[in-house]
């Protein structure tokens, strides 16, 4: 109202425990505009993990506070399986 900047409200939040693996062969996924991108990491998540939308920026860290960052990237694809979920960066 007074022309003062207001924060966007996008703060990191903890989603859950995971296991990060290097995507050796690399899976390719089609993103907006028909472009194909190759995944550099596969993230294994436990059953019941909430869906993470494609295009979301995520931080994979060794602690829940996000201080010891292992990898940072954009979600290319999320697969919610019967026994676990997978996320590709």
N, C-alpha and C. Protein backbone atom coordinates (compact mmCIF):
# COMPACT_ATOMS: atom_id res chain seq x y z
N UNK A 1 0.82 -1.20 0.00
CA UNK A 1 0.00 0.00 0.00
C UNK A 1 0.87 1.26 0.00
N UNK A 2 1.94 1.27 0.82
CA UNK A 2 2.81 2.42 0.92
C UNK A 2 4.04 2.32 0.00
N UNK A 3 4.08 1.31 -0.82
CA UNK A 3 5.23 1.13 -1.71
C UNK A 3 6.39 0.41 -1.07
N UNK A 4 6.16 -0.21 0.10
CA UNK A 4 7.21 -0.96 0.77
C UNK A 4 7.25 -2.38 0.24
N UNK A 5 8.47 -2.91 0.04
CA UNK A 5 8.62 -4.27 -0.44
C UNK A 5 8.17 -5.26 0.62
N UNK A 6 7.53 -6.33 0.17
CA UNK A 6 7.10 -7.41 1.06
C UNK A 6 7.75 -8.70 0.57
N UNK A 7 8.25 -9.50 1.48
CA UNK A 7 8.89 -10.76 1.12
C UNK A 7 7.92 -11.69 0.39
N UNK A 8 8.47 -12.60 -0.41
CA UNK A 8 7.63 -13.49 -1.20
C UNK A 8 7.06 -14.63 -0.38
N UNK A 9 7.61 -14.88 0.78
CA UNK A 9 7.09 -15.94 1.63
C UNK A 9 7.59 -17.33 1.22
N UNK A 10 8.59 -17.39 0.36
CA UNK A 10 9.13 -18.69 -0.03
C UNK A 10 10.35 -19.00 0.81
N UNK A 11 10.13 -19.74 1.85
CA UNK A 11 11.22 -20.16 2.73
C UNK A 11 11.39 -21.67 2.58
N UNK A 12 12.61 -22.17 2.69
CA UNK A 12 12.80 -23.62 2.61
C UNK A 12 12.00 -24.34 3.68
N UNK A 13 11.49 -25.52 3.31
CA UNK A 13 10.80 -26.31 4.32
C UNK A 13 11.19 -27.76 4.18
N UNK A 14 11.23 -28.45 5.28
CA UNK A 14 11.65 -29.84 5.35
C UNK A 14 10.54 -30.74 4.81
N UNK A 15 10.87 -31.61 3.86
CA UNK A 15 9.88 -32.53 3.30
C UNK A 15 10.02 -33.92 3.91
N UNK A 16 11.24 -34.40 4.07
CA UNK A 16 11.43 -35.71 4.67
C UNK A 16 12.81 -36.27 4.39
N UNK A 17 13.06 -37.44 4.95
CA UNK A 17 14.34 -38.13 4.76
C UNK A 17 14.39 -38.70 3.35
N UNK A 18 15.58 -38.81 2.80
CA UNK A 18 15.73 -39.33 1.45
C UNK A 18 17.11 -39.94 1.26
N UNK A 19 17.29 -40.57 0.10
CA UNK A 19 18.59 -41.10 -0.28
C UNK A 19 18.91 -40.57 -1.67
N UNK A 20 20.03 -39.91 -1.81
CA UNK A 20 20.43 -39.30 -3.08
C UNK A 20 21.41 -40.21 -3.80
N UNK A 21 21.17 -40.44 -5.10
CA UNK A 21 22.06 -41.26 -5.93
C UNK A 21 22.39 -40.48 -7.19
N UNK A 22 23.60 -40.64 -7.68
CA UNK A 22 23.97 -40.03 -8.96
C UNK A 22 23.27 -40.81 -10.05
N UNK A 23 22.63 -40.11 -10.97
CA UNK A 23 21.94 -40.76 -12.09
C UNK A 23 22.98 -41.11 -13.14
N UNK A 24 23.60 -42.29 -13.00
CA UNK A 24 24.69 -42.71 -13.87
C UNK A 24 24.38 -42.60 -15.35
N UNK A 25 23.39 -43.35 -15.83
CA UNK A 25 23.02 -43.30 -17.24
C UNK A 25 22.26 -42.02 -17.55
N UNK A 26 21.61 -41.49 -16.55
CA UNK A 26 20.84 -40.25 -16.73
C UNK A 26 19.56 -40.48 -17.49
N UNK A 27 18.44 -40.21 -16.86
CA UNK A 27 17.14 -40.32 -17.51
C UNK A 27 16.80 -38.97 -18.12
N UNK A 28 16.17 -38.98 -19.28
CA UNK A 28 15.76 -37.74 -19.93
C UNK A 28 14.28 -37.51 -19.72
N UNK A 29 13.91 -36.25 -19.45
CA UNK A 29 12.52 -35.88 -19.24
C UNK A 29 12.19 -34.66 -20.08
N UNK A 30 10.97 -34.66 -20.63
CA UNK A 30 10.52 -33.52 -21.42
C UNK A 30 9.92 -32.48 -20.49
N UNK A 31 10.37 -31.25 -20.63
CA UNK A 31 9.86 -30.16 -19.81
C UNK A 31 9.11 -29.19 -20.71
N UNK A 32 8.62 -28.10 -20.14
CA UNK A 32 7.83 -27.13 -20.89
C UNK A 32 8.54 -26.69 -22.16
N UNK A 33 7.77 -26.53 -23.22
CA UNK A 33 8.32 -26.06 -24.48
C UNK A 33 8.92 -27.17 -25.32
N UNK A 34 8.75 -28.43 -24.91
CA UNK A 34 9.25 -29.55 -25.68
C UNK A 34 10.74 -29.81 -25.53
N UNK A 35 11.37 -29.16 -24.57
CA UNK A 35 12.81 -29.34 -24.33
C UNK A 35 13.03 -30.59 -23.50
N UNK A 36 14.10 -31.34 -23.81
CA UNK A 36 14.47 -32.51 -23.03
C UNK A 36 15.66 -32.18 -22.15
N UNK A 37 15.57 -32.56 -20.88
CA UNK A 37 16.67 -32.37 -19.94
C UNK A 37 17.09 -33.72 -19.37
N UNK A 38 18.37 -33.88 -19.11
CA UNK A 38 18.89 -35.12 -18.54
C UNK A 38 19.05 -34.95 -17.04
N UNK A 39 18.56 -35.94 -16.29
CA UNK A 39 18.65 -35.88 -14.83
C UNK A 39 20.08 -36.18 -14.39
N UNK A 40 20.52 -35.47 -13.36
CA UNK A 40 21.85 -35.70 -12.82
C UNK A 40 21.80 -36.46 -11.50
N UNK A 41 20.62 -36.53 -10.88
CA UNK A 41 20.48 -37.24 -9.60
C UNK A 41 19.10 -37.85 -9.47
N UNK A 42 19.06 -39.00 -8.80
CA UNK A 42 17.81 -39.67 -8.46
C UNK A 42 17.69 -39.63 -6.95
N UNK A 43 16.56 -39.17 -6.45
CA UNK A 43 16.32 -39.07 -5.02
C UNK A 43 15.25 -40.09 -4.65
N UNK A 44 15.57 -41.02 -3.75
CA UNK A 44 14.63 -42.03 -3.26
C UNK A 44 13.98 -41.49 -1.99
N UNK A 45 12.64 -41.53 -1.95
CA UNK A 45 11.88 -41.00 -0.82
C UNK A 45 10.98 -42.07 -0.24
N UNK A 46 10.67 -42.03 1.05
CA UNK A 46 9.82 -43.04 1.65
C UNK A 46 8.37 -42.94 1.18
N UNK A 47 7.65 -44.04 1.33
CA UNK A 47 6.23 -44.09 0.99
C UNK A 47 5.47 -43.01 1.76
N UNK A 48 4.53 -42.37 1.10
CA UNK A 48 3.71 -41.35 1.75
C UNK A 48 4.28 -39.94 1.67
N UNK A 49 5.44 -39.77 1.03
CA UNK A 49 6.01 -38.43 0.89
C UNK A 49 5.10 -37.61 -0.02
N UNK A 50 4.83 -36.37 0.38
CA UNK A 50 3.96 -35.51 -0.43
C UNK A 50 4.58 -35.23 -1.79
N UNK A 51 3.73 -35.08 -2.81
CA UNK A 51 4.18 -34.83 -4.18
C UNK A 51 4.90 -33.49 -4.25
N UNK A 52 6.01 -33.48 -4.96
CA UNK A 52 6.78 -32.26 -5.20
C UNK A 52 6.58 -31.90 -6.68
N UNK A 53 5.97 -30.76 -6.97
CA UNK A 53 5.67 -30.40 -8.36
C UNK A 53 6.92 -30.22 -9.21
N UNK A 54 6.82 -30.61 -10.48
CA UNK A 54 7.91 -30.39 -11.43
C UNK A 54 8.23 -28.90 -11.48
N UNK A 55 9.51 -28.58 -11.59
CA UNK A 55 9.94 -27.18 -11.65
C UNK A 55 10.27 -26.59 -10.29
N UNK A 56 9.98 -27.31 -9.21
CA UNK A 56 10.29 -26.83 -7.87
C UNK A 56 11.78 -26.92 -7.61
N UNK A 57 12.37 -25.91 -7.02
CA UNK A 57 13.77 -25.95 -6.64
C UNK A 57 13.88 -26.64 -5.29
N UNK A 58 14.73 -27.66 -5.20
CA UNK A 58 14.90 -28.40 -3.95
C UNK A 58 16.37 -28.41 -3.54
N UNK A 59 16.57 -28.59 -2.25
CA UNK A 59 17.91 -28.72 -1.68
C UNK A 59 17.95 -30.07 -0.97
N UNK A 60 18.93 -30.89 -1.32
CA UNK A 60 19.14 -32.16 -0.64
C UNK A 60 20.33 -31.94 0.29
N UNK A 61 20.08 -32.12 1.60
CA UNK A 61 21.11 -31.83 2.59
C UNK A 61 21.26 -32.98 3.57
N UNK A 62 22.39 -33.01 4.26
CA UNK A 62 22.65 -34.05 5.24
C UNK A 62 21.98 -33.79 6.58
N UNK A 63 21.36 -32.63 6.74
CA UNK A 63 20.65 -32.32 7.98
C UNK A 63 19.31 -31.66 7.67
N UNK A 64 18.38 -31.75 8.60
CA UNK A 64 17.02 -31.23 8.39
C UNK A 64 17.00 -29.71 8.26
N UNK A 65 18.02 -29.03 8.76
CA UNK A 65 18.08 -27.57 8.66
C UNK A 65 18.56 -27.08 7.31
N UNK A 66 19.04 -27.98 6.46
CA UNK A 66 19.51 -27.61 5.13
C UNK A 66 20.86 -26.93 5.12
N UNK A 67 21.66 -27.17 6.15
CA UNK A 67 22.95 -26.50 6.26
C UNK A 67 24.07 -27.21 5.49
N UNK A 68 24.08 -28.53 5.50
CA UNK A 68 25.13 -29.31 4.84
C UNK A 68 24.58 -29.81 3.48
N UNK A 69 24.59 -28.95 2.47
CA UNK A 69 23.96 -29.22 1.18
C UNK A 69 24.77 -30.22 0.36
N UNK A 70 24.09 -31.27 -0.12
CA UNK A 70 24.71 -32.27 -1.00
C UNK A 70 24.49 -31.90 -2.46
N UNK A 71 23.25 -31.50 -2.78
CA UNK A 71 22.91 -31.14 -4.15
C UNK A 71 21.71 -30.20 -4.12
N UNK A 72 21.69 -29.29 -5.08
CA UNK A 72 20.58 -28.34 -5.22
C UNK A 72 20.17 -28.41 -6.68
N UNK A 73 18.87 -28.45 -6.95
CA UNK A 73 18.43 -28.54 -8.34
C UNK A 73 16.94 -28.34 -8.51
N UNK A 74 16.51 -28.50 -9.74
CA UNK A 74 15.11 -28.33 -10.11
C UNK A 74 14.49 -29.70 -10.37
N UNK A 75 13.30 -29.93 -9.84
CA UNK A 75 12.63 -31.21 -10.02
C UNK A 75 12.23 -31.37 -11.48
N UNK A 76 12.72 -32.45 -12.10
CA UNK A 76 12.35 -32.77 -13.48
C UNK A 76 11.14 -33.68 -13.53
N UNK A 77 11.06 -34.61 -12.55
CA UNK A 77 9.94 -35.55 -12.52
C UNK A 77 9.81 -36.13 -11.12
N UNK A 78 8.58 -36.40 -10.71
CA UNK A 78 8.29 -37.02 -9.42
C UNK A 78 7.40 -38.22 -9.67
N UNK A 79 7.77 -39.38 -9.12
CA UNK A 79 6.99 -40.60 -9.30
C UNK A 79 6.61 -41.13 -7.93
N UNK A 80 5.30 -41.20 -7.66
CA UNK A 80 4.82 -41.68 -6.38
C UNK A 80 4.47 -43.15 -6.54
N UNK A 81 5.34 -44.03 -6.07
CA UNK A 81 5.16 -45.47 -6.21
C UNK A 81 4.37 -46.07 -5.06
N UNK A 82 4.18 -47.39 -5.15
CA UNK A 82 3.41 -48.10 -4.13
C UNK A 82 4.20 -48.24 -2.83
N UNK A 83 5.51 -48.47 -2.94
CA UNK A 83 6.33 -48.69 -1.75
C UNK A 83 7.26 -47.53 -1.43
N UNK A 84 7.53 -46.68 -2.39
CA UNK A 84 8.39 -45.52 -2.20
C UNK A 84 8.14 -44.52 -3.33
N UNK A 85 8.74 -43.36 -3.22
CA UNK A 85 8.62 -42.33 -4.26
C UNK A 85 10.01 -42.01 -4.78
N UNK A 86 10.06 -41.51 -6.02
CA UNK A 86 11.33 -41.12 -6.62
C UNK A 86 11.20 -39.73 -7.20
N UNK A 87 12.30 -39.01 -7.16
CA UNK A 87 12.34 -37.64 -7.66
C UNK A 87 13.64 -37.48 -8.43
N UNK A 88 13.55 -36.91 -9.64
CA UNK A 88 14.74 -36.72 -10.46
C UNK A 88 15.09 -35.25 -10.52
N UNK A 89 16.37 -34.93 -10.36
CA UNK A 89 16.88 -33.56 -10.46
C UNK A 89 17.78 -33.47 -11.67
